């Protein structure tokens, strides 16, 4: 990594602020569905989504806190936007699939 090409430390903090609502509110369906799946002893796609997004989000928070504590001059490599994009894209895919099925049922009537 080239420190001279990196952003200031405030940029990842802004990413954290903007992506936190998506992680909490956008991901709540996946968190609830994965909790039910694990409770019944199953591992499905919802569990995979929760593991991927939560691990990337947690890693980014830890690295950002380390950068703030040790007063790094440049920002660390964070992935706040990746979990948010995954949640949004997968939610959009689920929504469009359900919509297509409803339209198909409605057109067959």
PDB file of N, CA and C in Angstrom:
ATOM      1  N   UNK A   1       0.832  -1.187   0.000  1.00  0.00           N
ATOM      2  CA  UNK A   1       0.000   0.000   0.000  1.00  0.00           C
ATOM      3  C   UNK A   1       0.870   1.241   0.000  1.00  0.00           C
ATOM      4  N   UNK A   2       0.394   2.255  -0.654  1.00  0.00           N
ATOM      5  CA  UNK A   2       1.111   3.512  -0.739  1.00  0.00           C
ATOM      6  C   UNK A   2       0.412   4.549   0.128  1.00  0.00           C
ATOM      7  N   UNK A   3       1.000   4.914   1.270  1.00  0.00           N
ATOM      8  CA  UNK A   3       0.338   5.861   2.168  1.00  0.00           C
ATOM      9  C   UNK A   3       0.064   7.211   1.532  1.00  0.00           C
ATOM     10  N   UNK A   4       0.896   7.618   0.597  1.00  0.00           N
ATOM     11  CA  UNK A   4       0.685   8.925  -0.024  1.00  0.00           C
ATOM     12  C   UNK A   4      -0.550   8.962  -0.918  1.00  0.00           C
ATOM     13  N   UNK A   5      -1.043   7.804  -1.313  1.00  0.00           N
ATOM     14  CA  UNK A   5      -2.234   7.736  -2.171  1.00  0.00           C
ATOM     15  C   UNK A   5      -3.519   7.460  -1.392  1.00  0.00           C
ATOM     16  N   UNK A   6      -3.429   7.348  -0.073  1.00  0.00           N
ATOM     17  CA  UNK A   6      -4.603   7.013   0.724  1.00  0.00           C
ATOM     18  C   UNK A   6      -5.336   8.255   1.191  1.00  0.00           C
ATOM     19  N   UNK A   7      -6.582   8.037   1.603  1.00  0.00           N
ATOM     20  CA  UNK A   7      -7.437   9.115   2.071  1.00  0.00           C
ATOM     21  C   UNK A   7      -7.118   9.464   3.522  1.00  0.00           C
ATOM     22  N   UNK A   8      -7.590  10.620   3.968  1.00  0.00           N
ATOM     23  CA  UNK A   8      -7.445  10.936   5.389  1.00  0.00           C
ATOM     24  C   UNK A   8      -8.291  10.002   6.246  1.00  0.00           C
ATOM     25  N   UNK A   9      -7.990   9.951   7.523  1.00  0.00           N
ATOM     26  CA  UNK A   9      -8.644   9.017   8.436  1.00  0.00           C
ATOM     27  C   UNK A   9     -10.136   9.327   8.597  1.00  0.00           C
ATOM     28  N   UNK A  10     -10.567  10.540   8.301  1.00  0.00           N
ATOM     29  CA  UNK A  10     -11.973  10.897   8.487  1.00  0.00           C
ATOM     30  C   UNK A  10     -12.889  10.233   7.468  1.00  0.00           C
ATOM     31  N   UNK A  11     -12.379   9.833   6.322  1.00  0.00           N
ATOM     32  CA  UNK A  11     -13.226   9.227   5.284  1.00  0.00           C
ATOM     33  C   UNK A  11     -13.811   7.887   5.729  1.00  0.00           C
ATOM     34  N   UNK A  12     -13.043   6.944   6.310  1.00  0.00           N
ATOM     35  CA  UNK A  12     -13.672   5.710   6.789  1.00  0.00           C
ATOM     36  C   UNK A  12     -14.687   5.953   7.902  1.00  0.00           C
ATOM     37  N   UNK A  13     -14.469   6.977   8.713  1.00  0.00           N
ATOM     38  CA  UNK A  13     -15.446   7.295   9.755  1.00  0.00           C
ATOM     39  C   UNK A  13     -16.770   7.739   9.124  1.00  0.00           C
ATOM     40  N   UNK A  14     -16.691   8.462   8.025  1.00  0.00           N
ATOM     41  CA  UNK A  14     -17.900   8.848   7.294  1.00  0.00           C
ATOM     42  C   UNK A  14     -18.576   7.619   6.704  1.00  0.00           C
ATOM     43  N   UNK A  15     -17.795   6.702   6.156  1.00  0.00           N
ATOM     44  CA  UNK A  15     -18.350   5.451   5.621  1.00  0.00           C
ATOM     45  C   UNK A  15     -19.071   4.665   6.713  1.00  0.00           C
ATOM     46  N   UNK A  16     -18.474   4.617   7.896  1.00  0.00           N
ATOM     47  CA  UNK A  16     -19.107   3.928   9.024  1.00  0.00           C
ATOM     48  C   UNK A  16     -20.458   4.549   9.333  1.00  0.00           C
ATOM     49  N   UNK A  17     -20.510   5.864   9.378  1.00  0.00           N
ATOM     50  CA  UNK A  17     -21.752   6.567   9.691  1.00  0.00           C
ATOM     51  C   UNK A  17     -22.822   6.300   8.646  1.00  0.00           C
ATOM     52  N   UNK A  18     -22.454   6.277   7.388  1.00  0.00           N
ATOM     53  CA  UNK A  18     -23.431   6.086   6.317  1.00  0.00           C
ATOM     54  C   UNK A  18     -23.869   4.632   6.162  1.00  0.00           C
ATOM     55  N   UNK A  19     -22.990   3.688   6.446  1.00  0.00           N
ATOM     56  CA  UNK A  19     -23.298   2.274   6.215  1.00  0.00           C
ATOM     57  C   UNK A  19     -23.914   1.581   7.423  1.00  0.00           C
ATOM     58  N   UNK A  20     -23.840   2.192   8.586  1.00  0.00           N
ATOM     59  CA  UNK A  20     -24.393   1.580   9.792  1.00  0.00           C
ATOM     60  C   UNK A  20     -25.901   1.338   9.686  1.00  0.00           C
ATOM     61  N   UNK A  21     -26.713   2.294   9.201  1.00  0.00           N
ATOM     62  CA  UNK A  21     -28.152   2.016   9.073  1.00  0.00           C
ATOM     63  C   UNK A  21     -28.462   0.873   8.107  1.00  0.00           C
ATOM     64  N   UNK A  22     -27.697   0.766   7.041  1.00  0.00           N
ATOM     65  CA  UNK A  22     -27.924  -0.330   6.089  1.00  0.00           C
ATOM     66  C   UNK A  22     -27.626  -1.663   6.743  1.00  0.00           C
ATOM     67  N   UNK A  23     -26.534  -1.711   7.500  1.00  0.00           N
ATOM     68  CA  UNK A  23     -26.163  -2.951   8.180  1.00  0.00           C
ATOM     69  C   UNK A  23     -27.214  -3.347   9.212  1.00  0.00           C
ATOM     70  N   UNK A  24     -27.732  -2.379   9.950  1.00  0.00           N
ATOM     71  CA  UNK A  24     -28.686  -2.689  11.020  1.00  0.00           C
ATOM     72  C   UNK A  24     -30.089  -2.914  10.473  1.00  0.00           C
ATOM     73  N   UNK A  25     -30.607  -1.946   9.743  1.00  0.00           N
ATOM     74  CA  UNK A  25     -32.007  -2.027   9.305  1.00  0.00           C
ATOM     75  C   UNK A  25     -32.174  -2.842   8.029  1.00  0.00           C
ATOM     76  N   UNK A  26     -31.251  -2.695   7.095  1.00  0.00           N
ATOM     77  CA  UNK A  26     -31.337  -3.470   5.861  1.00  0.00           C
ATOM     78  C   UNK A  26     -31.027  -4.942   6.062  1.00  0.00           C
ATOM     79  N   UNK A  27     -30.179  -5.235   7.044  1.00  0.00           N
ATOM     80  CA  UNK A  27     -29.793  -6.612   7.281  1.00  0.00           C
ATOM     81  C   UNK A  27     -30.629  -7.332   8.318  1.00  0.00           C
ATOM     82  N   UNK A  28     -31.638  -6.657   8.868  1.00  0.00           N
ATOM     83  CA  UNK A  28     -32.392  -7.294   9.963  1.00  0.00           C
ATOM     84  C   UNK A  28     -33.137  -8.542   9.499  1.00  0.00           C
ATOM     85  N   UNK A  29     -33.625  -8.573   8.248  1.00  0.00           N
ATOM     86  CA  UNK A  29     -34.277  -9.781   7.740  1.00  0.00           C
ATOM     87  C   UNK A  29     -33.293 -10.948   7.724  1.00  0.00           C
ATOM     88  N   UNK A  30     -32.085 -10.679   7.248  1.00  0.00           N
ATOM     89  CA  UNK A  30     -31.083 -11.740   7.159  1.00  0.00           C
ATOM     90  C   UNK A  30     -30.648 -12.210   8.543  1.00  0.00           C
ATOM     91  N   UNK A  31     -30.527 -11.281   9.484  1.00  0.00           N
ATOM     92  CA  UNK A  31     -30.162 -11.663  10.851  1.00  0.00           C
ATOM     93  C   UNK A  31     -31.252 -12.530  11.480  1.00  0.00           C
ATOM     94  N   UNK A  32     -32.520 -12.142  11.296  1.00  0.00           N
ATOM     95  CA  UNK A  32     -33.615 -12.931  11.872  1.00  0.00           C
ATOM     96  C   UNK A  32     -33.708 -14.302  11.210  1.00  0.00           C
ATOM     97  N   UNK A  33     -33.602 -14.355   9.891  1.00  0.00           N
ATOM     98  CA  UNK A  33     -33.688 -15.634   9.180  1.00  0.00           C
ATOM     99  C   UNK A  33     -32.514 -16.540   9.523  1.00  0.00           C
ATOM    100  N   UNK A  34     -31.329 -15.976   9.681  1.00  0.00           N
ATOM    101  CA  UNK A  34     -30.182 -16.825  10.025  1.00  0.00           C
ATOM    102  C   UNK A  34     -30.277 -17.320  11.460  1.00  0.00           C
ATOM    103  N   UNK A  35     -30.827 -16.508  12.341  1.00  0.00           N
ATOM    104  CA  UNK A  35     -31.017 -16.949  13.727  1.00  0.00           C
ATOM    105  C   UNK A  35     -31.979 -18.139  13.772  1.00  0.00           C
ATOM    106  N   UNK A  36     -33.049 -18.067  12.993  1.00  0.00           N
ATOM    107  CA  UNK A  36     -34.012 -19.183  12.943  1.00  0.00           C
ATOM    108  C   UNK A  36     -33.362 -20.435  12.348  1.00  0.00           C
ATOM    109  N   UNK A  37     -32.575 -20.245  11.300  1.00  0.00           N
ATOM    110  CA  UNK A  37     -31.936 -21.390  10.653  1.00  0.00           C
ATOM    111  C   UNK A  37     -30.947 -22.071  11.590  1.00  0.00           C
ATOM    112  N   UNK A  38     -30.146 -21.279  12.290  1.00  0.00           N
ATOM    113  CA  UNK A  38     -29.171 -21.856  13.214  1.00  0.00           C
ATOM    114  C   UNK A  38     -29.889 -22.513  14.394  1.00  0.00           C
ATOM    115  N   UNK A  39     -30.990 -21.916  14.823  1.00  0.00           N
ATOM    116  CA  UNK A  39     -31.767 -22.490  15.926  1.00  0.00           C
ATOM    117  C   UNK A  39     -32.279 -23.887  15.577  1.00  0.00           C
ATOM    118  N   UNK A  40     -32.607 -24.093  14.286  1.00  0.00           N
ATOM    119  CA  UNK A  40     -33.102 -25.394  13.831  1.00  0.00           C
ATOM    120  C   UNK A  40     -31.983 -26.303  13.318  1.00  0.00           C
ATOM    121  N   UNK A  41     -30.745 -25.857  13.460  1.00  0.00           N
ATOM    122  CA  UNK A  41     -29.615 -26.695  13.071  1.00  0.00           C
ATOM    123  C   UNK A  41     -29.320 -26.687  11.582  1.00  0.00           C
ATOM    124  N   UNK A  42     -29.765 -25.677  10.871  1.00  0.00           N
ATOM    125  CA  UNK A  42     -29.524 -25.572   9.428  1.00  0.00           C
ATOM    126  C   UNK A  42     -28.607 -24.396   9.145  1.00  0.00           C
ATOM    127  N   UNK A  43     -27.925 -24.482   8.046  1.00  0.00           N
ATOM    128  CA  UNK A  43     -27.142 -23.348   7.561  1.00  0.00           C
ATOM    129  C   UNK A  43     -27.562 -23.083   6.126  1.00  0.00           C
ATOM    130  N   UNK A  44     -28.169 -21.930   5.902  1.00  0.00           N
ATOM    131  CA  UNK A  44     -28.641 -21.611   4.563  1.00  0.00           C
ATOM    132  C   UNK A  44     -27.940 -20.352   4.057  1.00  0.00           C
ATOM    133  N   UNK A  45     -28.443 -19.794   2.983  1.00  0.00           N
ATOM    134  CA  UNK A  45     -27.831 -18.622   2.370  1.00  0.00           C
ATOM    135  C   UNK A  45     -27.880 -17.423   3.309  1.00  0.00           C
ATOM    136  N   UNK A  46     -28.929 -17.311   4.105  1.00  0.00           N
ATOM    137  CA  UNK A  46     -29.033 -16.194   5.042  1.00  0.00           C
ATOM    138  C   UNK A  46     -27.893 -16.216   6.057  1.00  0.00           C
ATOM    139  N   UNK A  47     -27.518 -17.386   6.512  1.00  0.00           N
ATOM    140  CA  UNK A  47     -26.394 -17.514   7.444  1.00  0.00           C
ATOM    141  C   UNK A  47     -25.102 -17.079   6.749  1.00  0.00           C
ATOM    142  N   UNK A  48     -24.927 -17.458   5.513  1.00  0.00           N
ATOM    143  CA  UNK A  48     -23.743 -17.072   4.759  1.00  0.00           C
ATOM    144  C   UNK A  48     -23.674 -15.557   4.577  1.00  0.00           C
ATOM    145  N   UNK A  49     -24.806 -14.939   4.264  1.00  0.00           N
ATOM    146  CA  UNK A  49     -24.851 -13.487   4.087  1.00  0.00           C
ATOM    147  C   UNK A  49     -24.501 -12.785   5.395  1.00  0.00           C
ATOM    148  N   UNK A  50     -25.070 -13.260   6.492  1.00  0.00           N
ATOM    149  CA  UNK A  50     -24.798 -12.645   7.795  1.00  0.00           C
ATOM    150  C   UNK A  50     -23.328 -12.813   8.176  1.00  0.00           C
ATOM    151  N   UNK A  51     -22.774 -13.973   7.961  1.00  0.00           N
ATOM    152  CA  UNK A  51     -21.355 -14.185   8.280  1.00  0.00           C
ATOM    153  C   UNK A  51     -20.453 -13.270   7.451  1.00  0.00           C
ATOM    154  N   UNK A  52     -20.736 -13.173   6.171  1.00  0.00           N
ATOM    155  CA  UNK A  52     -19.889 -12.362   5.288  1.00  0.00           C
ATOM    156  C   UNK A  52     -19.992 -10.882   5.629  1.00  0.00           C
ATOM    157  N   UNK A  53     -21.201 -10.383   5.766  1.00  0.00           N
ATOM    158  CA  UNK A  53     -21.357  -8.952   6.015  1.00  0.00           C
ATOM    159  C   UNK A  53     -20.897  -8.564   7.417  1.00  0.00           C
ATOM    160  N   UNK A  54     -21.197  -9.388   8.399  1.00  0.00           N
ATOM    161  CA  UNK A  54     -20.809  -9.062   9.770  1.00  0.00           C
ATOM    162  C   UNK A  54     -19.295  -9.128   9.946  1.00  0.00           C
ATOM    163  N   UNK A  55     -18.645 -10.102   9.345  1.00  0.00           N
ATOM    164  CA  UNK A  55     -17.191 -10.192   9.493  1.00  0.00           C
ATOM    165  C   UNK A  55     -16.493  -9.016   8.809  1.00  0.00           C
ATOM    166  N   UNK A  56     -16.938  -8.617   7.626  1.00  0.00           N
ATOM    167  CA  UNK A  56     -16.324  -7.470   6.946  1.00  0.00           C
ATOM    168  C   UNK A  56     -16.583  -6.176   7.714  1.00  0.00           C
ATOM    169  N   UNK A  57     -17.788  -6.024   8.233  1.00  0.00           N
ATOM    170  CA  UNK A  57     -18.140  -4.825   8.988  1.00  0.00           C
ATOM    171  C   UNK A  57     -17.363  -4.752  10.302  1.00  0.00           C
ATOM    172  N   UNK A  58     -17.266  -5.875  11.000  1.00  0.00           N
ATOM    173  CA  UNK A  58     -16.531  -5.917  12.267  1.00  0.00           C
ATOM    174  C   UNK A  58     -15.044  -5.664  12.049  1.00  0.00           C
ATOM    175  N   UNK A  59     -14.482  -6.271  11.020  1.00  0.00           N
ATOM    176  CA  UNK A  59     -13.077  -6.036  10.694  1.00  0.00           C
ATOM    177  C   UNK A  59     -12.827  -4.553  10.454  1.00  0.00           C
ATOM    178  N   UNK A  60     -13.706  -3.921   9.699  1.00  0.00           N
ATOM    179  CA  UNK A  60     -13.526  -2.511   9.386  1.00  0.00           C
ATOM    180  C   UNK A  60     -13.602  -1.646  10.633  1.00  0.00           C
ATOM    181  N   UNK A  61     -14.510  -1.963  11.545  1.00  0.00           N
ATOM    182  CA  UNK A  61     -14.615  -1.200  12.787  1.00  0.00           C
ATOM    183  C   UNK A  61     -13.346  -1.370  13.625  1.00  0.00           C
ATOM    184  N   UNK A  62     -12.848  -2.593  13.742  1.00  0.00           N
ATOM    185  CA  UNK A  62     -11.646  -2.851  14.539  1.00  0.00           C
ATOM    186  C   UNK A  62     -10.444  -2.117  13.956  1.00  0.00           C
ATOM    187  N   UNK A  63     -10.274  -2.180  12.649  1.00  0.00           N
ATOM    188  CA  UNK A  63      -9.135  -1.518  12.010  1.00  0.00           C
ATOM    189  C   UNK A  63      -9.246  -0.001  12.148  1.00  0.00           C
ATOM    190  N   UNK A  64     -10.455   0.523  12.020  1.00  0.00           N
ATOM    191  CA  UNK A  64     -10.643   1.963  12.174  1.00  0.00           C
ATOM    192  C   UNK A  64     -10.340   2.406  13.608  1.00  0.00           C
ATOM    193  N   UNK A  65     -10.787   1.632  14.585  1.00  0.00           N
ATOM    194  CA  UNK A  65     -10.488   1.967  15.979  1.00  0.00           C
ATOM    195  C   UNK A  65      -8.990   1.894  16.266  1.00  0.00           C
ATOM    196  N   UNK A  66      -8.316   0.897  15.716  1.00  0.00           N
ATOM    197  CA  UNK A  66      -6.867   0.800  15.880  1.00  0.00           C
ATOM    198  C   UNK A  66      -6.158   2.013  15.265  1.00  0.00           C
ATOM    199  N   UNK A  67      -6.639   2.436  14.111  1.00  0.00           N
ATOM    200  CA  UNK A  67      -6.042   3.606  13.455  1.00  0.00           C
ATOM    201  C   UNK A  67      -6.245   4.868  14.282  1.00  0.00           C
ATOM    202  N   UNK A  68      -7.401   4.975  14.906  1.00  0.00           N
ATOM    203  CA  UNK A  68      -7.657   6.148  15.745  1.00  0.00           C
ATOM    204  C   UNK A  68      -6.852   6.102  17.036  1.00  0.00           C
ATOM    205  N   UNK A  69      -6.750   4.935  17.656  1.00  0.00           N
ATOM    206  CA  UNK A  69      -6.008   4.805  18.908  1.00  0.00           C
ATOM    207  C   UNK A  69      -4.518   5.050  18.693  1.00  0.00           C
ATOM    208  N   UNK A  70      -3.974   4.466  17.645  1.00  0.00           N
ATOM    209  CA  UNK A  70      -2.540   4.611  17.388  1.00  0.00           C
ATOM    210  C   UNK A  70      -2.214   5.827  16.529  1.00  0.00           C
ATOM    211  N   UNK A  71      -3.222   6.625  16.206  1.00  0.00           N
ATOM    212  CA  UNK A  71      -3.059   7.885  15.476  1.00  0.00           C
ATOM    213  C   UNK A  71      -2.299   7.708  14.170  1.00  0.00           C
ATOM    214  N   UNK A  72      -2.787   6.744  13.365  1.00  0.00           N
ATOM    215  CA  UNK A  72      -2.197   6.558  12.050  1.00  0.00           C
ATOM    216  C   UNK A  72      -2.449   7.808  11.222  1.00  0.00           C
ATOM    217  N   UNK A  73      -1.510   8.138  10.392  1.00  0.00           N
ATOM    218  CA  UNK A  73      -1.627   9.352   9.587  1.00  0.00           C
ATOM    219  C   UNK A  73      -2.614   9.190   8.444  1.00  0.00           C
ATOM    220  N   UNK A  74      -2.649   8.011   7.859  1.00  0.00           N
ATOM    221  CA  UNK A  74      -3.545   7.752   6.741  1.00  0.00           C
ATOM    222  C   UNK A  74      -4.543   6.673   7.116  1.00  0.00           C
ATOM    223  N   UNK A  75      -5.593   6.589   6.352  1.00  0.00           N
ATOM    224  CA  UNK A  75      -6.669   5.667   6.684  1.00  0.00           C
ATOM    225  C   UNK A  75      -6.274   4.221   6.393  1.00  0.00           C
ATOM    226  N   UNK A  76      -6.806   3.301   7.185  1.00  0.00           N
ATOM    227  CA  UNK A  76      -6.570   1.879   6.915  1.00  0.00           C
ATOM    228  C   UNK A  76      -7.505   1.388   5.807  1.00  0.00           C
ATOM    229  N   UNK A  77      -7.265   0.182   5.362  1.00  0.00           N
ATOM    230  CA  UNK A  77      -8.123  -0.428   4.351  1.00  0.00           C
ATOM    231  C   UNK A  77      -9.383  -0.933   5.044  1.00  0.00           C
ATOM    232  N   UNK A  78     -10.517  -0.283   4.784  1.00  0.00           N
ATOM    233  CA  UNK A  78     -11.778  -0.687   5.400  1.00  0.00           C
ATOM    234  C   UNK A  78     -12.748  -1.146   4.318  1.00  0.00           C
ATOM    235  N   UNK A  79     -13.761  -1.881   4.770  1.00  0.00           N
ATOM    236  CA  UNK A  79     -14.735  -2.452   3.846  1.00  0.00           C
ATOM    237  C   UNK A  79     -16.164  -2.139   4.285  1.00  0.00           C
ATOM    238  N   UNK A  80     -16.409  -0.922   4.728  1.00  0.00           N
ATOM    239  CA  UNK A  80     -17.747  -0.576   5.185  1.00  0.00           C
ATOM    240  C   UNK A  80     -18.767  -0.610   4.046  1.00  0.00           C
ATOM    241  N   UNK A  81     -18.357  -0.244   2.857  1.00  0.00           N
ATOM    242  CA  UNK A  81     -19.310  -0.182   1.757  1.00  0.00           C
ATOM    243  C   UNK A  81     -19.642  -1.561   1.180  1.00  0.00           C
ATOM    244  N   UNK A  82     -18.751  -2.517   1.289  1.00  0.00           N
ATOM    245  CA  UNK A  82     -18.999  -3.847   0.714  1.00  0.00           C
ATOM    246  C   UNK A  82     -20.166  -4.586   1.367  1.00  0.00           C
ATOM    247  N   UNK A  83     -20.236  -4.673   2.706  1.00  0.00           N
ATOM    248  CA  UNK A  83     -21.405  -5.342   3.301  1.00  0.00           C
ATOM    249  C   UNK A  83     -22.718  -4.642   2.971  1.00  0.00           C
ATOM    250  N   UNK A  84     -22.672  -3.326   2.924  1.00  0.00           N
ATOM    251  CA  UNK A  84     -23.891  -2.580   2.600  1.00  0.00           C
ATOM    252  C   UNK A  84     -24.346  -2.879   1.177  1.00  0.00           C
ATOM    253  N   UNK A  85     -23.402  -2.910   0.250  1.00  0.00           N
ATOM    254  CA  UNK A  85     -23.771  -3.219  -1.136  1.00  0.00           C
ATOM    255  C   UNK A  85     -24.291  -4.645  -1.261  1.00  0.00           C
ATOM    256  N   UNK A  86     -23.668  -5.581  -0.540  1.00  0.00           N
ATOM    257  CA  UNK A  86     -24.155  -6.965  -0.583  1.00  0.00           C
ATOM    258  C   UNK A  86     -25.593  -7.047  -0.086  1.00  0.00           C
ATOM    259  N   UNK A  87     -25.883  -6.388   1.023  1.00  0.00           N
ATOM    260  CA  UNK A  87     -27.233  -6.428   1.588  1.00  0.00           C
ATOM    261  C   UNK A  87     -28.225  -5.802   0.623  1.00  0.00           C
ATOM    262  N   UNK A  88     -27.882  -4.662   0.045  1.00  0.00           N
ATOM    263  CA  UNK A  88     -28.798  -3.984  -0.874  1.00  0.00           C
ATOM    264  C   UNK A  88     -29.026  -4.818  -2.127  1.00  0.00           C
ATOM    265  N   UNK A  89     -27.967  -5.345  -2.732  1.00  0.00           N
ATOM    266  CA  UNK A  89     -28.122  -6.120  -3.964  1.00  0.00           C
ATOM    267  C   UNK A  89     -28.889  -7.423  -3.738  1.00  0.00           C
ATOM    268  N   UNK A  90     -28.603  -8.106  -2.655  1.00  0.00           N
ATOM    269  CA  UNK A  90     -29.302  -9.366  -2.386  1.00  0.00           C
ATOM    270  C   UNK A  90     -30.758  -9.093  -2.034  1.00  0.00           C
ATOM    271  N   UNK A  91     -31.026  -8.026  -1.286  1.00  0.00           N
ATOM    272  CA  UNK A  91     -32.410  -7.659  -0.976  1.00  0.00           C
ATOM    273  C   UNK A  91     -33.166  -7.293  -2.243  1.00  0.00           C
ATOM    274  N   UNK A  92     -32.505  -6.568  -3.132  1.00  0.00           N
ATOM    275  CA  UNK A  92     -33.148  -6.225  -4.402  1.00  0.00           C
ATOM    276  C   UNK A  92     -33.427  -7.471  -5.228  1.00  0.00           C
ATOM    277  N   UNK A  93     -32.507  -8.419  -5.228  1.00  0.00           N
ATOM    278  CA  UNK A  93     -32.731  -9.668  -5.955  1.00  0.00           C
ATOM    279  C   UNK A  93     -33.895 -10.460  -5.389  1.00  0.00           C
ATOM    280  N   UNK A  94     -33.992 -10.517  -4.055  1.00  0.00           N
ATOM    281  CA  UNK A  94     -35.129 -11.212  -3.424  1.00  0.00           C
ATOM    282  C   UNK A  94     -36.435 -10.510  -3.744  1.00  0.00           C
ATOM    283  N   UNK A  95     -36.419  -9.175  -3.697  1.00  0.00           N
ATOM    284  CA  UNK A  95     -37.628  -8.414  -3.986  1.00  0.00           C
ATOM    285  C   UNK A  95     -38.068  -8.628  -5.437  1.00  0.00           C
ATOM    286  N   UNK A  96     -37.128  -8.583  -6.372  1.00  0.00           N
ATOM    287  CA  UNK A  96     -37.499  -8.735  -7.780  1.00  0.00           C
ATOM    288  C   UNK A  96     -37.981 -10.157  -8.082  1.00  0.00           C
ATOM    289  N   UNK A  97     -37.423 -11.156  -7.408  1.00  0.00           N
ATOM    290  CA  UNK A  97     -37.884 -12.527  -7.593  1.00  0.00           C
ATOM    291  C   UNK A  97     -39.315 -12.692  -7.095  1.00  0.00           C
ATOM    292  N   UNK A  98     -39.597 -12.149  -5.918  1.00  0.00           N
ATOM    293  CA  UNK A  98     -40.958 -12.227  -5.384  1.00  0.00           C
ATOM    294  C   UNK A  98     -41.938 -11.466  -6.257  1.00  0.00           C
ATOM    295  N   UNK A  99     -41.522 -10.319  -6.764  1.00  0.00           N
ATOM    296  CA  UNK A  99     -42.392  -9.523  -7.638  1.00  0.00           C
ATOM    297  C   UNK A  99     -42.689 -10.274  -8.927  1.00  0.00           C
ATOM    298  N   UNK A 100     -41.664 -10.901  -9.495  1.00  0.00           N
ATOM    299  CA  UNK A 100     -41.851 -11.656 -10.732  1.00  0.00           C
ATOM    300  C   UNK A 100     -42.818 -12.815 -10.506  1.00  0.00           C
ATOM    301  N   UNK A 101     -42.703 -13.502  -9.361  1.00  0.00           N
ATOM    302  CA  UNK A 101     -43.611 -14.608  -9.064  1.00  0.00           C
ATOM    303  C   UNK A 101     -45.048 -14.112  -8.900  1.00  0.00           C
ATOM    304  N   UNK A 102     -45.229 -12.956  -8.253  1.00  0.00           N
ATOM    305  CA  UNK A 102     -46.579 -12.398  -8.111  1.00  0.00           C
ATOM    306  C   UNK A 102     -47.165 -12.009  -9.455  1.00  0.00           C
ATOM    307  N   UNK A 103     -46.341 -11.417 -10.312  1.00  0.00           N
ATOM    308  CA  UNK A 103     -46.821 -11.045 -11.642  1.00  0.00           C
ATOM    309  C   UNK A 103     -47.160 -12.281 -12.465  1.00  0.00           C
ATOM    310  N   UNK A 104     -46.386 -13.327 -12.322  1.00  0.00           N
ATOM    311  CA  UNK A 104     -46.651 -14.558 -13.054  1.00  0.00           C
ATOM    312  C   UNK A 104     -47.958 -15.187 -12.590  1.00  0.00           C
ATOM    313  N   UNK A 105     -48.194 -15.205 -11.279  1.00  0.00           N
ATOM    314  CA  UNK A 105     -49.455 -15.751 -10.755  1.00  0.00           C
ATOM    315  C   UNK A 105     -50.639 -14.906 -11.200  1.00  0.00           C
ATOM    316  N   UNK A 106     -50.456 -13.594 -11.180  1.00  0.00           N
ATOM    317  CA  UNK A 106     -51.541 -12.692 -11.566  1.00  0.00           C
ATOM    318  C   UNK A 106     -51.864 -12.824 -13.051  1.00  0.00           C
ATOM    319  N   UNK A 107     -50.855 -13.007 -13.899  1.00  0.00           N
ATOM    320  CA  UNK A 107     -51.103 -13.113 -15.336  1.00  0.00           C
ATOM    321  C   UNK A 107     -51.707 -14.464 -15.703  1.00  0.00           C
ATOM    322  N   UNK A 108     -51.508 -15.487 -14.889  1.00  0.00           N
ATOM    323  CA  UNK A 108     -52.071 -16.809 -15.168  1.00  0.00           C
ATOM    324  C   UNK A 108     -53.518 -16.947 -14.725  1.00  0.00           C
ATOM    325  N   UNK A 109     -54.023 -15.987 -13.980  1.00  0.00           N
ATOM    326  CA  UNK A 109     -55.407 -16.049 -13.538  1.00  0.00           C
ATOM    327  C   UNK A 109     -56.285 -15.857 -14.713  1.00  0.00           C
TER     328      UNK A 109
END
